[in-house]
N, C-alpha and C. Protein backbone atom coordinates (compact mmCIF):
# COMPACT_ATOMS: atom_id res chain seq x y z
N MET A 1 10.74 12.59 -3.56
CA MET A 1 10.46 13.98 -3.26
C MET A 1 10.85 14.33 -1.82
N TYR A 2 10.60 13.42 -0.89
CA TYR A 2 10.85 13.70 0.53
C TYR A 2 11.86 12.71 1.12
N TYR A 3 12.70 12.11 0.28
CA TYR A 3 13.55 11.00 0.71
C TYR A 3 14.38 11.33 1.94
N GLU A 4 15.05 12.48 1.96
CA GLU A 4 15.91 12.83 3.10
C GLU A 4 15.11 12.92 4.39
N LYS A 5 13.94 13.54 4.34
CA LYS A 5 13.07 13.62 5.53
C LYS A 5 12.61 12.24 5.95
N ASP A 6 12.26 11.41 4.97
CA ASP A 6 11.76 10.07 5.27
C ASP A 6 12.83 9.21 5.92
N VAL A 7 14.04 9.27 5.40
CA VAL A 7 15.14 8.49 5.97
C VAL A 7 15.44 8.97 7.39
N ALA A 8 15.42 10.28 7.59
CA ALA A 8 15.66 10.83 8.93
C ALA A 8 14.58 10.37 9.92
N ARG A 9 13.35 10.25 9.44
CA ARG A 9 12.22 9.81 10.27
C ARG A 9 12.35 8.32 10.59
N GLY A 10 12.91 7.56 9.66
CA GLY A 10 13.10 6.13 9.85
C GLY A 10 11.85 5.31 9.56
N VAL A 11 12.02 4.01 9.61
CA VAL A 11 10.92 3.09 9.31
C VAL A 11 9.79 3.26 10.33
N ASP A 12 10.11 3.31 11.62
CA ASP A 12 9.06 3.39 12.64
C ASP A 12 8.23 4.66 12.51
N GLY A 13 8.89 5.80 12.35
CA GLY A 13 8.16 7.06 12.20
C GLY A 13 7.35 7.10 10.93
N THR A 14 7.92 6.58 9.85
CA THR A 14 7.21 6.56 8.57
C THR A 14 6.02 5.61 8.64
N PHE A 15 6.18 4.50 9.33
CA PHE A 15 5.07 3.56 9.51
C PHE A 15 3.90 4.23 10.23
N MET A 16 4.20 5.05 11.22
CA MET A 16 3.13 5.74 11.95
C MET A 16 2.36 6.68 11.03
N TRP A 17 3.06 7.37 10.13
CA TRP A 17 2.37 8.22 9.15
C TRP A 17 1.50 7.39 8.22
N LEU A 18 2.00 6.24 7.80
CA LEU A 18 1.21 5.34 6.95
C LEU A 18 -0.07 4.93 7.67
N MET A 19 0.05 4.58 8.94
CA MET A 19 -1.14 4.17 9.70
C MET A 19 -2.14 5.31 9.83
N GLU A 20 -1.65 6.52 10.00
CA GLU A 20 -2.55 7.67 10.07
C GLU A 20 -3.32 7.82 8.75
N GLU A 21 -2.61 7.67 7.64
CA GLU A 21 -3.26 7.78 6.33
C GLU A 21 -4.26 6.65 6.10
N ILE A 22 -3.96 5.46 6.58
CA ILE A 22 -4.91 4.35 6.46
C ILE A 22 -6.17 4.66 7.26
N GLY A 23 -6.01 5.26 8.42
CA GLY A 23 -7.18 5.68 9.21
C GLY A 23 -8.01 6.71 8.46
N GLU A 24 -7.35 7.65 7.82
CA GLU A 24 -8.07 8.66 7.03
C GLU A 24 -8.78 8.01 5.84
N LEU A 25 -8.15 7.02 5.23
CA LEU A 25 -8.80 6.29 4.13
C LEU A 25 -10.03 5.55 4.64
N ALA A 26 -9.91 4.93 5.80
CA ALA A 26 -11.06 4.21 6.38
C ALA A 26 -12.23 5.17 6.58
N SER A 27 -11.95 6.36 7.07
CA SER A 27 -13.02 7.35 7.26
C SER A 27 -13.61 7.78 5.93
N ALA A 28 -12.75 8.00 4.94
CA ALA A 28 -13.22 8.43 3.62
C ALA A 28 -14.08 7.36 2.96
N LEU A 29 -13.76 6.10 3.18
CA LEU A 29 -14.55 5.01 2.60
C LEU A 29 -15.97 4.99 3.13
N ARG A 30 -16.18 5.52 4.32
CA ARG A 30 -17.52 5.56 4.91
C ARG A 30 -18.30 6.81 4.51
N GLY A 31 -17.64 7.72 3.80
CA GLY A 31 -18.30 8.96 3.40
C GLY A 31 -18.74 8.93 1.96
N ASN A 32 -19.15 10.11 1.47
CA ASN A 32 -19.65 10.24 0.10
C ASN A 32 -18.82 11.17 -0.76
N ASP A 33 -17.69 11.64 -0.24
CA ASP A 33 -16.86 12.60 -0.95
C ASP A 33 -15.83 11.85 -1.80
N ARG A 34 -16.13 11.68 -3.08
CA ARG A 34 -15.27 10.91 -3.98
C ARG A 34 -13.90 11.56 -4.17
N GLU A 35 -13.86 12.89 -4.18
CA GLU A 35 -12.57 13.58 -4.33
C GLU A 35 -11.68 13.30 -3.12
N ASN A 36 -12.23 13.38 -1.93
CA ASN A 36 -11.47 13.08 -0.72
C ASN A 36 -11.03 11.62 -0.71
N LEU A 37 -11.90 10.73 -1.13
CA LEU A 37 -11.57 9.31 -1.19
C LEU A 37 -10.37 9.07 -2.10
N ALA A 38 -10.39 9.69 -3.28
CA ALA A 38 -9.27 9.55 -4.21
C ALA A 38 -7.98 10.09 -3.60
N GLU A 39 -8.07 11.22 -2.91
CA GLU A 39 -6.88 11.80 -2.26
C GLU A 39 -6.33 10.87 -1.19
N GLU A 40 -7.20 10.25 -0.42
CA GLU A 40 -6.74 9.35 0.64
C GLU A 40 -6.11 8.08 0.07
N PHE A 41 -6.66 7.55 -1.03
CA PHE A 41 -6.01 6.41 -1.70
C PHE A 41 -4.61 6.82 -2.16
N ALA A 42 -4.49 8.00 -2.75
CA ALA A 42 -3.19 8.49 -3.22
C ALA A 42 -2.22 8.62 -2.05
N ASP A 43 -2.69 9.14 -0.92
CA ASP A 43 -1.83 9.29 0.25
C ASP A 43 -1.33 7.95 0.76
N VAL A 44 -2.21 6.96 0.82
CA VAL A 44 -1.82 5.63 1.31
C VAL A 44 -0.77 5.02 0.39
N ILE A 45 -0.97 5.11 -0.91
CA ILE A 45 0.01 4.56 -1.84
C ILE A 45 1.33 5.30 -1.72
N ALA A 46 1.28 6.62 -1.59
CA ALA A 46 2.52 7.40 -1.47
C ALA A 46 3.29 7.00 -0.21
N TRP A 47 2.60 6.87 0.92
CA TRP A 47 3.28 6.51 2.16
C TRP A 47 3.75 5.06 2.13
N LEU A 48 3.03 4.18 1.48
CA LEU A 48 3.47 2.79 1.33
C LEU A 48 4.77 2.73 0.51
N ALA A 49 4.81 3.47 -0.58
CA ALA A 49 6.03 3.53 -1.40
C ALA A 49 7.17 4.15 -0.60
N THR A 50 6.86 5.16 0.20
CA THR A 50 7.88 5.80 1.01
C THR A 50 8.49 4.84 2.01
N ILE A 51 7.66 4.10 2.72
CA ILE A 51 8.21 3.18 3.71
C ILE A 51 9.00 2.06 3.04
N ALA A 52 8.60 1.65 1.86
CA ALA A 52 9.39 0.66 1.11
C ALA A 52 10.77 1.24 0.77
N ASN A 53 10.81 2.49 0.34
CA ASN A 53 12.10 3.12 0.02
C ASN A 53 12.98 3.23 1.26
N VAL A 54 12.41 3.65 2.38
CA VAL A 54 13.18 3.77 3.62
C VAL A 54 13.71 2.41 4.05
N ALA A 55 12.92 1.36 3.85
CA ALA A 55 13.32 0.00 4.22
C ALA A 55 14.20 -0.65 3.15
N LYS A 56 14.51 0.10 2.10
CA LYS A 56 15.34 -0.38 0.99
C LYS A 56 14.74 -1.60 0.28
N ILE A 57 13.42 -1.52 0.04
CA ILE A 57 12.70 -2.54 -0.70
C ILE A 57 12.28 -1.95 -2.04
N ASP A 58 12.58 -2.66 -3.12
CA ASP A 58 12.12 -2.26 -4.44
C ASP A 58 10.68 -2.75 -4.56
N LEU A 59 9.75 -1.85 -4.35
CA LEU A 59 8.34 -2.21 -4.31
C LEU A 59 7.87 -2.82 -5.63
N ASN A 60 8.32 -2.27 -6.76
CA ASN A 60 7.94 -2.82 -8.05
C ASN A 60 8.43 -4.26 -8.19
N ALA A 61 9.67 -4.50 -7.84
CA ALA A 61 10.22 -5.86 -7.93
C ALA A 61 9.47 -6.82 -7.00
N ALA A 62 9.11 -6.34 -5.82
CA ALA A 62 8.38 -7.18 -4.87
C ALA A 62 7.00 -7.55 -5.43
N LEU A 63 6.32 -6.58 -6.05
CA LEU A 63 5.01 -6.84 -6.64
C LEU A 63 5.10 -7.83 -7.79
N VAL A 64 6.10 -7.64 -8.65
CA VAL A 64 6.27 -8.54 -9.78
C VAL A 64 6.60 -9.95 -9.29
N ALA A 65 7.48 -10.04 -8.30
CA ALA A 65 7.87 -11.35 -7.78
C ALA A 65 6.68 -12.10 -7.19
N LYS A 66 5.81 -11.38 -6.49
CA LYS A 66 4.68 -12.06 -5.83
C LYS A 66 3.47 -12.23 -6.74
N TYR A 67 3.16 -11.21 -7.56
CA TYR A 67 1.92 -11.23 -8.34
C TYR A 67 2.12 -11.21 -9.85
N GLY A 68 3.37 -11.19 -10.30
CA GLY A 68 3.64 -11.04 -11.73
C GLY A 68 3.19 -12.21 -12.59
N HIS A 69 2.96 -13.35 -11.97
CA HIS A 69 2.53 -14.53 -12.73
C HIS A 69 1.12 -14.96 -12.34
N GLY A 70 0.38 -14.06 -11.68
CA GLY A 70 -0.98 -14.37 -11.28
C GLY A 70 -1.14 -14.49 -9.79
N CYS A 71 -2.25 -15.00 -9.39
CA CYS A 71 -2.58 -15.18 -7.98
C CYS A 71 -1.56 -16.11 -7.32
N PRO A 72 -0.98 -15.70 -6.18
CA PRO A 72 -0.02 -16.58 -5.51
C PRO A 72 -0.66 -17.87 -4.99
N GLY A 73 -1.97 -17.87 -4.82
CA GLY A 73 -2.65 -19.06 -4.32
C GLY A 73 -2.94 -20.08 -5.40
N CYS A 74 -3.59 -19.64 -6.48
CA CYS A 74 -4.01 -20.58 -7.51
C CYS A 74 -3.18 -20.46 -8.80
N GLY A 75 -2.40 -19.41 -8.93
CA GLY A 75 -1.54 -19.23 -10.09
C GLY A 75 -2.24 -18.67 -11.32
N ARG A 76 -3.51 -18.35 -11.22
CA ARG A 76 -4.25 -17.84 -12.37
C ARG A 76 -4.22 -16.31 -12.40
N LEU A 77 -4.39 -15.74 -13.60
CA LEU A 77 -4.44 -14.29 -13.71
C LEU A 77 -5.72 -13.72 -13.11
N VAL A 78 -6.80 -14.47 -13.20
CA VAL A 78 -8.04 -14.12 -12.49
C VAL A 78 -8.19 -15.17 -11.40
N CYS A 79 -8.12 -14.73 -10.16
CA CYS A 79 -8.09 -15.66 -9.02
C CYS A 79 -9.31 -16.58 -9.01
N GLU A 80 -9.02 -17.86 -8.80
CA GLU A 80 -10.08 -18.87 -8.65
C GLU A 80 -9.99 -19.57 -7.30
N CYS A 81 -9.29 -18.94 -6.34
CA CYS A 81 -9.21 -19.51 -4.99
C CYS A 81 -10.60 -19.54 -4.38
N PRO A 82 -10.89 -20.53 -3.55
CA PRO A 82 -12.18 -20.56 -2.84
C PRO A 82 -12.36 -19.30 -2.00
N ASN A 83 -13.58 -18.84 -1.85
CA ASN A 83 -13.87 -17.64 -1.08
C ASN A 83 -13.41 -17.75 0.37
N SER A 84 -13.29 -18.97 0.88
CA SER A 84 -12.87 -19.15 2.26
C SER A 84 -11.38 -18.92 2.45
N GLU A 85 -10.63 -18.80 1.35
CA GLU A 85 -9.20 -18.60 1.42
C GLU A 85 -8.85 -17.17 1.05
N LYS A 86 -7.71 -16.71 1.55
CA LYS A 86 -7.20 -15.42 1.14
C LYS A 86 -6.51 -15.63 -0.20
N PRO A 87 -6.63 -14.87 -1.21
CA PRO A 87 -7.26 -13.57 -1.32
C PRO A 87 -8.70 -13.75 -1.48
């Protein structure tokens, strides 16, 4: 929808917008407005997809490659990694 503007802004400028939206999501998570929270999640995902496009990364392919066969740590579809480990 905004590809030309996003490319003109570049990765650095687009990253700054993503960070702003993450800040807004953090604020919404501390509140009680579910509609605003949903909007902020949508904004973060939209800006994340945008920066992937600007960086010429196929986000779907990246997700499938990393998580398509389960947890990258333990390999299971439902993670069984110890709580002390990421994820």
